[in-house]
N, C-alpha and C. Protein backbone atom coordinates (compact mmCIF):
# COMPACT_ATOMS: atom_id res chain seq x y z
N UNK A 1 86.08 38.61 88.97
CA UNK A 1 86.81 37.55 88.04
C UNK A 1 86.05 38.30 86.44
N UNK A 2 87.26 38.44 84.75
CA UNK A 2 86.95 38.61 83.59
C UNK A 2 86.48 37.70 83.15
N UNK A 3 85.55 36.95 82.48
CA UNK A 3 84.97 35.82 81.44
C UNK A 3 85.57 36.09 80.34
N UNK A 4 86.05 35.04 79.63
CA UNK A 4 86.86 35.21 78.24
C UNK A 4 86.19 33.62 77.82
N UNK A 5 85.93 34.17 76.35
CA UNK A 5 85.86 32.78 75.31
C UNK A 5 86.64 32.70 73.92
N UNK A 6 86.64 31.77 73.66
CA UNK A 6 87.75 32.08 72.29
C UNK A 6 87.23 32.09 71.35
N UNK A 7 87.06 32.85 70.52
CA UNK A 7 86.20 32.90 69.10
C UNK A 7 86.92 33.48 67.82
N UNK A 8 87.32 32.08 66.87
CA UNK A 8 88.00 32.87 65.31
C UNK A 8 89.14 32.72 66.25
N UNK A 9 89.76 32.26 67.10
CA UNK A 9 91.28 32.13 67.68
C UNK A 9 91.59 33.17 67.97
N UNK A 10 90.54 34.38 68.74
CA UNK A 10 91.06 34.93 69.85
C UNK A 10 89.88 35.59 70.59
N UNK A 11 90.82 35.93 71.39
CA UNK A 11 90.40 35.62 73.21
C UNK A 11 89.13 37.09 72.91
N UNK A 12 87.60 36.60 73.60
CA UNK A 12 86.76 37.51 73.65
C UNK A 12 86.29 38.23 75.18
N UNK A 13 85.72 39.04 75.26
CA UNK A 13 85.13 39.11 76.89
C UNK A 13 83.58 39.19 76.89
N UNK A 14 83.60 38.17 77.64
CA UNK A 14 81.98 37.70 77.54
C UNK A 14 81.46 39.67 78.99
N UNK A 15 80.53 39.43 78.47
CA UNK A 15 79.38 40.63 79.32
C UNK A 15 78.74 39.83 80.13
N UNK A 16 78.38 39.70 81.17
CA UNK A 16 77.24 38.92 81.89
C UNK A 16 76.01 39.46 81.68
N UNK A 17 74.88 39.11 81.52
CA UNK A 17 73.82 38.53 81.21
C UNK A 17 73.38 39.82 82.39
N UNK A 18 73.38 39.63 83.31
CA UNK A 18 72.75 41.07 84.52
C UNK A 18 73.19 42.11 83.93
N UNK A 19 74.53 42.67 83.55
CA UNK A 19 75.29 43.47 83.44
C UNK A 19 74.76 44.01 82.42
N UNK A 20 74.00 43.36 81.72
CA UNK A 20 73.31 43.97 79.78
C UNK A 20 71.62 44.27 79.98
N UNK A 21 71.53 43.83 80.63
CA UNK A 21 70.07 43.82 81.65
C UNK A 21 69.78 45.15 82.45
N UNK A 22 70.89 45.29 83.02
CA UNK A 22 70.72 46.83 83.66
C UNK A 22 71.24 47.59 82.80
N UNK A 23 71.97 47.74 82.02
CA UNK A 23 72.68 48.50 80.73
C UNK A 23 71.23 49.00 80.12
N UNK A 24 70.70 48.06 79.62
CA UNK A 24 69.55 48.03 78.49
C UNK A 24 68.60 49.02 79.86
N UNK A 25 68.28 48.57 80.85
CA UNK A 25 67.17 49.18 82.20
C UNK A 25 67.65 50.97 82.15
N UNK A 26 68.93 51.19 82.44
CA UNK A 26 69.06 52.51 82.69
C UNK A 26 69.31 53.33 81.56
N UNK A 27 69.82 53.03 80.12
CA UNK A 27 70.29 53.73 78.87
C UNK A 27 69.97 53.19 77.87
N UNK A 28 69.55 54.01 76.82
CA UNK A 28 68.58 53.66 75.56
C UNK A 28 69.73 54.63 74.17
N UNK A 29 69.56 53.86 73.24
CA UNK A 29 70.07 54.36 72.00
C UNK A 29 68.99 55.35 71.50
N UNK A 30 70.18 56.53 70.77
CA UNK A 30 69.31 57.41 70.10
C UNK A 30 68.17 56.96 69.19
N UNK A 31 68.86 55.77 68.67
CA UNK A 31 68.03 55.26 67.23
C UNK A 31 67.02 54.63 68.02
N UNK A 32 67.08 53.82 68.96
CA UNK A 32 65.84 53.02 68.89
C UNK A 32 65.21 54.00 69.63
N UNK A 33 65.22 55.09 70.20
CA UNK A 33 63.98 55.94 70.63
C UNK A 33 64.10 56.69 69.83
N UNK A 34 64.31 56.70 68.64
CA UNK A 34 63.80 57.82 67.87
C UNK A 34 63.05 56.63 66.79
N UNK A 35 63.19 55.61 66.88
CA UNK A 35 62.65 54.68 65.96
C UNK A 35 60.95 54.46 66.61
N UNK A 36 61.22 54.60 67.77
CA UNK A 36 59.78 54.26 68.76
C UNK A 36 59.05 55.50 68.46
N UNK A 37 59.11 56.72 68.39
CA UNK A 37 58.45 57.60 68.43
C UNK A 37 58.35 58.00 66.18
N UNK A 38 58.94 57.20 66.04
CA UNK A 38 58.98 57.72 63.98
C UNK A 38 59.55 59.02 63.87
N UNK A 39 60.60 59.24 64.32
CA UNK A 39 61.43 60.25 63.71
C UNK A 39 62.77 59.89 63.87
N UNK A 40 63.89 60.95 63.09
CA UNK A 40 65.32 60.07 62.54
C UNK A 40 66.22 60.54 64.23
N UNK A 41 66.92 59.84 64.28
CA UNK A 41 67.41 60.15 65.38
C UNK A 41 68.98 61.42 65.55
N UNK A 42 68.78 62.00 64.30
CA UNK A 42 69.40 63.37 64.62
C UNK A 42 68.01 64.25 64.90
N UNK A 43 66.86 63.86 64.43
CA UNK A 43 65.83 65.10 65.12
C UNK A 43 65.55 64.85 66.72
N UNK A 44 65.62 63.38 67.02
CA UNK A 44 65.52 63.12 68.19
C UNK A 44 66.85 63.88 69.39
N UNK A 45 68.05 63.66 68.96
CA UNK A 45 69.20 63.89 69.49
C UNK A 45 68.86 66.04 69.75
N UNK A 46 68.87 66.61 68.37
CA UNK A 46 68.38 67.91 68.53
C UNK A 46 67.26 68.38 69.67
N UNK A 47 65.93 67.33 69.89
CA UNK A 47 65.16 67.56 70.47
C UNK A 47 64.95 67.77 72.08
N UNK A 48 65.89 66.80 72.44
CA UNK A 48 66.75 66.33 73.95
C UNK A 48 67.11 67.40 73.93
N UNK A 49 68.06 68.03 73.12
CA UNK A 49 69.55 68.98 73.45
C UNK A 49 68.75 70.11 73.81
N UNK A 50 67.72 70.68 73.30
CA UNK A 50 66.76 71.91 73.70
C UNK A 50 66.05 71.67 74.74
N UNK A 51 66.24 70.14 75.08
CA UNK A 51 65.22 70.35 76.69
C UNK A 51 66.47 70.33 77.78
N UNK A 52 67.86 70.11 77.14
CA UNK A 52 68.90 70.17 78.01
C UNK A 52 69.26 68.54 78.27
N UNK A 53 68.91 68.05 77.78
CA UNK A 53 68.81 66.00 77.91
C UNK A 53 70.43 66.19 76.99
N UNK A 54 71.37 65.52 77.68
CA UNK A 54 73.05 65.39 76.88
C UNK A 54 72.88 64.03 76.93
N UNK A 55 73.33 63.56 75.97
CA UNK A 55 73.47 61.95 75.93
C UNK A 55 75.46 61.54 76.52
N UNK A 56 75.15 60.85 77.00
CA UNK A 56 75.96 59.76 78.15
C UNK A 56 77.92 59.05 77.32
N UNK A 57 77.47 59.42 76.16
CA UNK A 57 78.52 58.63 75.17
C UNK A 57 77.78 58.91 73.38
N UNK A 58 78.52 58.86 72.72
CA UNK A 58 78.30 58.81 71.40
C UNK A 58 79.41 59.88 70.35
N UNK A 59 79.09 59.85 69.10
CA UNK A 59 80.39 60.98 68.52
C UNK A 59 80.77 61.85 69.13
N UNK A 60 79.67 63.29 69.32
CA UNK A 60 80.33 64.07 70.06
C UNK A 60 80.69 64.38 71.34
N UNK A 61 80.51 63.09 72.18
CA UNK A 61 81.00 62.56 73.35
C UNK A 61 82.60 62.23 73.85
N UNK A 62 82.43 61.15 73.36
CA UNK A 62 83.76 60.35 73.34
C UNK A 62 84.43 59.46 72.44
N UNK A 63 83.72 59.50 71.02
CA UNK A 63 83.61 59.16 69.94
C UNK A 63 83.28 58.02 69.89
N UNK A 64 82.51 57.52 70.48
CA UNK A 64 81.73 56.62 70.76
C UNK A 64 81.04 56.28 69.37
N UNK A 65 80.42 55.01 68.86
CA UNK A 65 80.00 54.88 67.56
C UNK A 65 78.11 55.49 67.47
N UNK A 66 77.80 55.50 68.51
CA UNK A 66 75.58 55.79 68.69
C UNK A 66 75.72 56.21 70.02
N UNK A 67 74.69 57.46 69.79
CA UNK A 67 74.49 58.43 70.94
C UNK A 67 73.94 57.07 71.98
N UNK A 68 73.94 57.18 73.41
CA UNK A 68 73.07 56.68 74.04
C UNK A 68 73.04 57.64 75.20
N UNK A 69 71.70 57.73 75.52
CA UNK A 69 71.04 58.70 76.70
C UNK A 69 70.51 57.87 78.47
N UNK A 70 70.53 58.48 78.95
CA UNK A 70 69.81 58.37 80.26
C UNK A 70 68.31 57.69 80.08
N UNK A 71 67.83 56.96 80.49
CA UNK A 71 66.13 56.27 79.49
C UNK A 71 65.31 57.27 81.02
N UNK A 72 65.22 57.14 81.41
CA UNK A 72 64.34 57.76 82.05
C UNK A 72 64.01 58.88 81.77
N UNK A 73 65.17 60.04 81.83
CA UNK A 73 65.16 61.79 81.27
C UNK A 73 65.16 61.85 79.74
N UNK A 74 65.77 60.75 79.16
CA UNK A 74 65.18 61.21 77.97
C UNK A 74 63.49 60.96 77.19
N UNK A 75 63.29 60.05 77.74
CA UNK A 75 61.78 59.08 78.02
C UNK A 75 60.77 60.43 78.13
N UNK A 76 61.28 60.60 79.70
CA UNK A 76 60.23 61.93 79.80
C UNK A 76 60.59 63.09 78.82
N UNK A 77 61.81 63.65 78.42
CA UNK A 77 61.77 64.75 77.63
C UNK A 77 61.01 64.37 76.28
N UNK A 78 61.33 62.73 75.93
CA UNK A 78 60.41 62.90 74.59
C UNK A 78 58.98 62.76 74.64
N UNK A 79 58.23 62.38 75.73
CA UNK A 79 57.06 62.23 75.61
C UNK A 79 56.54 63.86 75.91
N UNK A 80 57.35 64.98 76.17
CA UNK A 80 56.98 66.21 76.47
C UNK A 80 57.11 66.81 74.98
N UNK A 81 57.58 66.11 73.85
CA UNK A 81 58.01 66.66 72.78
C UNK A 81 56.76 66.11 71.80
N UNK A 82 56.97 67.11 70.59
CA UNK A 82 55.74 66.65 69.20
C UNK A 82 56.52 66.58 68.00
N UNK A 83 56.99 65.46 67.61
CA UNK A 83 57.67 64.98 66.47
C UNK A 83 56.59 65.45 65.46
N UNK A 84 57.06 65.06 64.02
CA UNK A 84 56.47 65.35 62.51
C UNK A 84 55.16 64.81 62.75
N UNK A 85 55.38 63.64 63.04
CA UNK A 85 54.43 63.16 63.03
C UNK A 85 53.16 63.39 63.68
N UNK A 86 52.92 64.36 64.54
CA UNK A 86 52.10 65.13 65.41
C UNK A 86 51.75 64.59 66.35
N UNK A 87 52.03 63.17 66.68
CA UNK A 87 52.40 62.80 68.04
C UNK A 87 53.17 62.81 69.23
N UNK A 88 52.50 62.58 70.42
CA UNK A 88 53.68 62.64 71.43
C UNK A 88 53.58 61.37 71.65
N UNK A 89 55.01 61.22 72.17
CA UNK A 89 55.66 59.77 72.50
C UNK A 89 54.62 59.00 73.75
N UNK A 90 54.06 57.64 73.65
CA UNK A 90 53.55 57.05 74.76
C UNK A 90 54.49 56.34 75.06
N UNK A 91 54.88 55.88 76.67
CA UNK A 91 55.67 55.45 77.00
C UNK A 91 54.81 54.12 78.02
């Protein structure tokens, strides 16, 4: 059963908290991961691509607004990458 609520006179779909927690556990936004290692999302995406890690969604994939990656693969790839600040990522 789909949960809906009314907001400003429009029906909106509600995402269960468990589903949101599961999504956050499994996926990470490029911008969030880039921020955590002190680089730009563009640099991060290029570094992940060079290691064969592809986004699951985003502008170049399905016209989504932002890039998301499978969390474990992206974090492992970032941990092996040295960014301009000269420090490897630590999770």
